[in-house]
Protein backbone atom coordinates (compact mmCIF):
# COMPACT_ATOMS: atom_id res chain seq x y z
CA MET A 1 0.00 0.00 0.00
CA LEU A 2 1.29 3.45 -0.92
CA SER A 3 2.05 5.72 2.01
CA LYS A 4 1.26 9.43 2.02
CA ALA A 5 5.01 10.12 1.97
CA GLN A 6 5.45 8.01 -1.17
CA ILE A 7 2.54 9.75 -2.92
CA SER A 8 3.88 13.15 -1.89
CA LEU A 9 7.38 12.37 -3.20
CA ILE A 10 6.22 10.96 -6.53
CA THR A 11 3.77 13.80 -7.26
CA SER A 12 6.39 16.39 -6.24
CA LEU A 13 8.63 15.15 -9.07
CA GLN A 14 6.41 16.94 -11.57
CA ASN A 15 8.25 20.04 -10.32
CA LYS A 16 11.85 20.66 -11.45
CA LYS A 17 12.83 21.95 -8.00
CA PHE A 18 12.04 18.60 -6.39
CA ARG A 19 13.58 16.57 -9.23
CA ILE A 20 16.84 18.42 -8.55
CA GLN A 21 16.45 18.08 -4.77
CA HIS A 22 15.91 14.31 -4.91
CA ASN A 23 18.02 13.76 -8.06
CA VAL A 24 15.33 11.56 -9.64
CA PHE A 25 12.58 11.79 -12.25
CA ILE A 26 9.57 9.70 -13.26
CA VAL A 27 9.00 7.54 -16.31
CA GLU A 28 5.53 6.26 -17.18
CA GLY A 29 4.26 3.55 -19.50
CA ILE A 30 5.32 -0.09 -19.80
CA LYS A 31 7.42 0.39 -22.95
CA SER A 32 9.19 3.50 -21.64
CA VAL A 33 9.88 1.93 -18.24
CA LEU A 34 11.44 -1.12 -19.92
CA GLU A 35 13.55 1.15 -22.15
CA PHE A 36 15.09 2.76 -19.06
CA VAL A 37 15.46 -0.58 -17.27
CA HIS A 38 17.66 -1.79 -20.13
CA SER A 39 19.64 1.45 -20.47
CA SER A 40 22.59 3.05 -18.66
CA TYR A 41 20.15 4.88 -16.33
CA LYS A 42 19.68 3.57 -12.80
CA VAL A 43 16.05 2.70 -12.02
CA GLN A 44 15.42 2.94 -8.28
CA LYS A 45 11.92 1.53 -8.12
CA ILE A 46 8.88 0.64 -10.23
CA TYR A 47 5.25 0.98 -9.17
CA ALA A 48 2.82 -1.12 -11.18
CA THR A 49 -0.77 -2.29 -11.14
CA PRO A 50 -1.38 -6.09 -11.13
CA GLN A 51 -2.16 -6.05 -14.86
CA ALA A 52 0.99 -4.08 -15.75
CA SER A 53 3.30 -6.04 -13.44
CA THR A 54 2.79 -9.21 -15.50
CA LYS A 55 4.46 -7.38 -18.42
CA LEU A 56 7.39 -6.35 -16.23
CA SER A 57 8.30 -9.83 -15.03
CA LYS A 58 11.72 -9.87 -16.75
CA ILE A 59 13.20 -6.81 -15.03
CA PRO A 60 16.51 -7.34 -13.15
CA GLN A 61 16.17 -8.56 -9.58
CA ASN A 62 18.06 -5.57 -8.18
CA ILE A 63 15.20 -3.24 -9.22
CA LYS A 64 12.37 -3.07 -6.68
CA LEU A 65 8.86 -3.52 -8.06
CA GLU A 66 5.94 -2.60 -5.83
CA GLU A 67 2.50 -3.74 -6.93
CA ILE A 68 -0.27 -1.26 -6.15
CA SER A 69 -3.97 -1.05 -6.91
CA GLU A 70 -5.53 0.84 -9.82
CA GLN A 71 -6.94 3.38 -7.35
CA GLU A 72 -3.54 3.96 -5.77
CA PHE A 73 -1.93 4.33 -9.19
CA LYS A 74 -4.37 7.10 -10.09
CA LYS A 75 -2.94 9.13 -7.19
CA ILE A 76 0.59 9.17 -8.66
CA THR A 77 0.14 9.12 -12.44
CA THR A 78 0.57 12.26 -14.56
CA LEU A 79 -1.37 10.77 -17.49
CA LYS A 80 -5.06 10.95 -18.36
CA THR A 81 -4.94 7.38 -19.66
CA PRO A 82 -2.23 5.68 -17.56
CA GLN A 83 -0.74 2.30 -18.48
CA GLY A 84 -0.21 1.20 -14.88
CA ALA A 85 3.59 1.41 -14.71
CA LEU A 86 5.70 4.22 -13.22
CA ALA A 87 9.43 4.17 -12.52
CA ILE A 88 11.59 6.37 -10.32
CA VAL A 89 14.85 6.90 -12.23
CA GLU A 90 18.04 8.61 -11.10
CA ILE A 91 19.23 11.71 -12.96
CA PRO A 92 22.73 10.83 -14.23
CA PRO A 93 25.68 12.76 -12.81
CA TYR A 94 26.67 15.92 -14.68
CA LYS A 95 29.55 15.41 -17.10
CA PRO A 96 31.04 18.39 -19.00
CA LEU A 97 30.55 18.09 -22.76
CA GLU A 98 33.87 17.75 -24.58
CA GLU A 99 34.33 19.00 -28.14
CA GLU A 100 35.76 15.61 -29.15
CA GLU A 101 32.37 14.02 -28.49
CA LEU A 102 30.85 16.15 -31.27
CA LYS A 103 33.63 15.78 -33.85
CA GLY A 104 32.82 13.99 -37.10
CA LYS A 105 29.05 14.10 -36.57
CA HIS A 106 26.08 16.46 -36.51
CA SER A 107 24.42 17.53 -33.29
CA ILE A 108 21.35 19.62 -32.48
CA VAL A 109 21.53 22.84 -30.46
CA LEU A 110 18.30 24.21 -28.96
CA ASP A 111 17.97 27.90 -28.05
CA ASP A 112 15.31 28.22 -25.33
CA VAL A 113 12.80 25.68 -26.66
CA GLN A 114 9.97 25.94 -24.13
CA ASP A 115 7.31 23.38 -24.97
CA PRO A 116 7.79 19.93 -23.37
CA GLY A 117 6.07 18.22 -26.30
CA ASN A 118 8.45 19.88 -28.75
CA LEU A 119 11.55 18.85 -26.82
CA GLY A 120 10.26 15.31 -26.41
CA THR A 121 9.51 15.03 -30.12
CA ILE A 122 12.95 16.44 -31.01
CA ILE A 123 14.65 13.85 -28.78
CA ARG A 124 12.64 11.04 -30.38
CA THR A 125 13.39 12.39 -33.87
CA ALA A 126 17.10 12.69 -33.05
CA GLU A 127 17.28 9.03 -32.13
CA TRP A 128 15.44 7.98 -35.30
CA PHE A 129 18.03 9.78 -37.42
CA GLY A 130 21.04 8.70 -35.37
CA ILE A 131 21.76 12.04 -33.69
CA GLU A 132 23.62 11.25 -30.45
CA HIS A 133 23.78 14.66 -28.77
CA ILE A 134 21.35 17.51 -28.15
CA VAL A 135 22.87 20.65 -26.63
CA CYS A 136 20.31 22.84 -24.84
CA SER A 137 20.48 26.39 -23.59
CA ILE A 138 19.92 26.85 -19.86
CA GLY A 139 16.50 28.32 -20.70
CA THR A 140 15.33 25.22 -22.58
CA VAL A 141 12.65 23.14 -20.85
CA ASP A 142 13.99 20.42 -18.54
CA ALA A 143 14.46 17.10 -20.35
CA TYR A 144 13.29 15.28 -17.20
CA ASN A 145 9.94 17.06 -17.14
CA PRO A 146 7.33 14.24 -17.16
CA LYS A 147 5.73 15.60 -20.35
CA VAL A 148 9.10 15.61 -22.12
CA VAL A 149 9.92 12.09 -20.92
CA GLN A 150 6.53 10.84 -22.08
CA ALA A 151 6.88 12.43 -25.53
CA THR A 152 10.29 10.81 -26.10
CA MET A 153 8.72 7.32 -25.91
CA GLY A 154 11.93 5.94 -24.37
CA SER A 155 14.40 7.75 -26.65
CA LEU A 156 15.62 9.86 -23.72
CA SER A 157 17.29 6.70 -22.41
CA ARG A 158 19.66 6.72 -25.39
CA VAL A 159 20.08 10.33 -26.63
CA LYS A 160 22.52 12.45 -24.60
CA ILE A 161 21.14 15.83 -23.45
CA HIS A 162 23.44 18.64 -22.30
CA TYR A 163 22.56 22.01 -20.75
CA VAL A 164 25.11 24.77 -21.33
CA ASP A 165 25.56 28.49 -21.81
CA ILE A 166 25.23 28.09 -25.58
CA GLU A 167 26.84 31.40 -26.54
CA GLN A 168 29.92 30.58 -24.52
CA PHE A 169 29.79 27.00 -25.78
CA ILE A 170 29.76 28.06 -29.46
CA ASP A 171 32.50 30.62 -28.86
CA ASN A 172 34.76 27.85 -27.58
CA ILE A 173 34.11 25.17 -30.18
CA GLN A 174 35.69 24.66 -33.60
CA ILE A 175 32.79 22.96 -35.35
CA PRO A 176 30.73 24.55 -38.18
CA THR A 177 27.40 26.04 -37.08
CA PHE A 178 24.20 26.06 -39.15
CA GLY A 179 21.27 28.18 -37.99
CA ALA A 180 17.63 27.57 -38.89
CA LEU A 181 16.47 31.03 -40.01
CA LEU A 182 13.74 32.46 -42.23
CA GLU A 183 16.37 34.12 -44.39
CA GLY A 184 19.22 31.93 -45.57
CA GLN A 185 20.38 29.36 -48.08
CA SER A 186 17.88 26.65 -48.97
CA ILE A 187 18.31 23.54 -46.86
CA TYR A 188 18.19 21.51 -50.09
CA SER A 189 21.22 23.23 -51.59
CA THR A 190 23.25 23.42 -48.37
CA ASP A 191 26.22 21.12 -47.97
CA PHE A 192 26.25 20.19 -44.28
CA GLY A 193 29.61 18.44 -44.56
CA PRO A 194 30.81 15.71 -42.19
CA GLU A 195 30.13 17.59 -38.95
CA GLY A 196 28.24 20.55 -37.56
CA LEU A 197 25.90 22.05 -35.00
CA ILE A 198 22.32 22.55 -36.16
CA ILE A 199 20.90 25.48 -34.16
CA MET A 200 17.12 25.65 -33.71
CA GLY A 201 15.40 28.62 -32.11
CA ASN A 202 12.68 29.37 -29.59
CA GLU A 203 9.06 28.75 -30.63
CA GLY A 204 8.10 32.44 -30.64
CA ASN A 205 11.34 34.35 -31.08
CA GLY A 206 13.56 32.05 -33.11
CA ILE A 207 17.32 32.16 -32.54
CA ARG A 208 18.39 35.01 -30.24
CA SER A 209 20.05 37.92 -32.06
CA SER A 210 23.30 37.64 -30.09
CA LEU A 211 23.65 34.07 -31.32
CA ILE A 212 22.89 34.76 -34.97
CA SER A 213 26.20 36.60 -35.38
CA LYS A 214 28.03 33.43 -34.30
CA ILE A 215 26.39 31.24 -36.97
CA ASP A 216 28.58 30.21 -39.90
CA LYS A 217 25.71 29.56 -42.30
CA ALA A 218 22.05 30.60 -42.18
CA VAL A 219 19.79 27.88 -43.57
CA THR A 220 16.09 28.07 -44.40
CA ILE A 221 13.38 25.57 -45.26
CA PRO A 222 11.82 27.07 -48.43
CA ARG A 223 8.24 28.24 -47.89
CA ILE A 224 5.73 27.60 -50.66
CA GLY A 225 2.46 28.29 -48.83
CA GLN A 226 1.37 31.17 -46.60
CA ALA A 227 2.13 29.80 -43.11
CA GLU A 228 4.09 32.28 -41.02
CA SER A 229 6.45 29.72 -39.49
CA LEU A 230 7.07 26.04 -38.83
CA ASN A 231 6.80 24.27 -35.49
CA VAL A 232 10.34 23.84 -34.13
CA ALA A 233 9.97 20.07 -33.76
CA VAL A 234 8.75 19.77 -37.36
CA ALA A 235 11.58 22.01 -38.60
CA THR A 236 14.13 19.92 -36.68
CA THR A 237 12.74 16.77 -38.28
CA ILE A 238 13.20 18.27 -41.75
CA PHE A 239 16.81 19.21 -40.94
CA CYS A 240 17.53 15.73 -39.56
CA SER A 241 15.98 14.15 -42.64
CA GLU A 242 18.13 16.24 -44.99
CA LEU A 243 21.27 15.43 -42.99
CA SER A 244 20.41 11.76 -43.27
CA ARG A 245 19.75 12.04 -47.02
CA GLN A 246 23.14 13.64 -47.58
CA LYS A 247 24.93 10.97 -45.55
CA LEU A 248 23.20 8.19 -47.48
CA ALA A 249 23.61 9.80 -50.91
């Protein structure tokens, strides 16, 4: 039976302050929980309903699984249609990002992306296209926000997310930078080369002006219709797709 203290802790993890304080975050859904179980992340505990626990029978013995009722699960879930499985997962220790890790490949840089769904979709897209690293500004939404975790569908367990002062970061790195801007060279005629940072801007304001001056090449997705702008997650998908096409060509 869930105690009030357990319920209080789990529900508090919807707030970034308490995720940092306890150094853990929550993962929901049978598939996503199993993805983290079989990843480099450390799963502290899993809460599951009787129906869900039968699908979690092959988890390692060192991971605690507590079976709770459907009614109890409703007190801790963040989802409208829960799947009956919730894991408490440790936030990995901070490790400074080294330039060598980004050499010879393309990585995504996010400038203050605010919407959890957008970040989650970008992480999932990055994994699909083989992007290993996503570098986020300090103002970008927390990757361990439950809505972000849910939207990644398990991809967060494999894509590496870094939070940095991106202006300082770009100043100190010797890798070509490509910025997604309304004015620039067409994405379809841009040679992205063997490595680079693909910079995507904030949903409402785009890439901050102080960062634009640091971009080596402005790149645009040609507009044919009348829409004012593209959703940042959609735009990132188009960039990732073009990078993939060029690599496979």
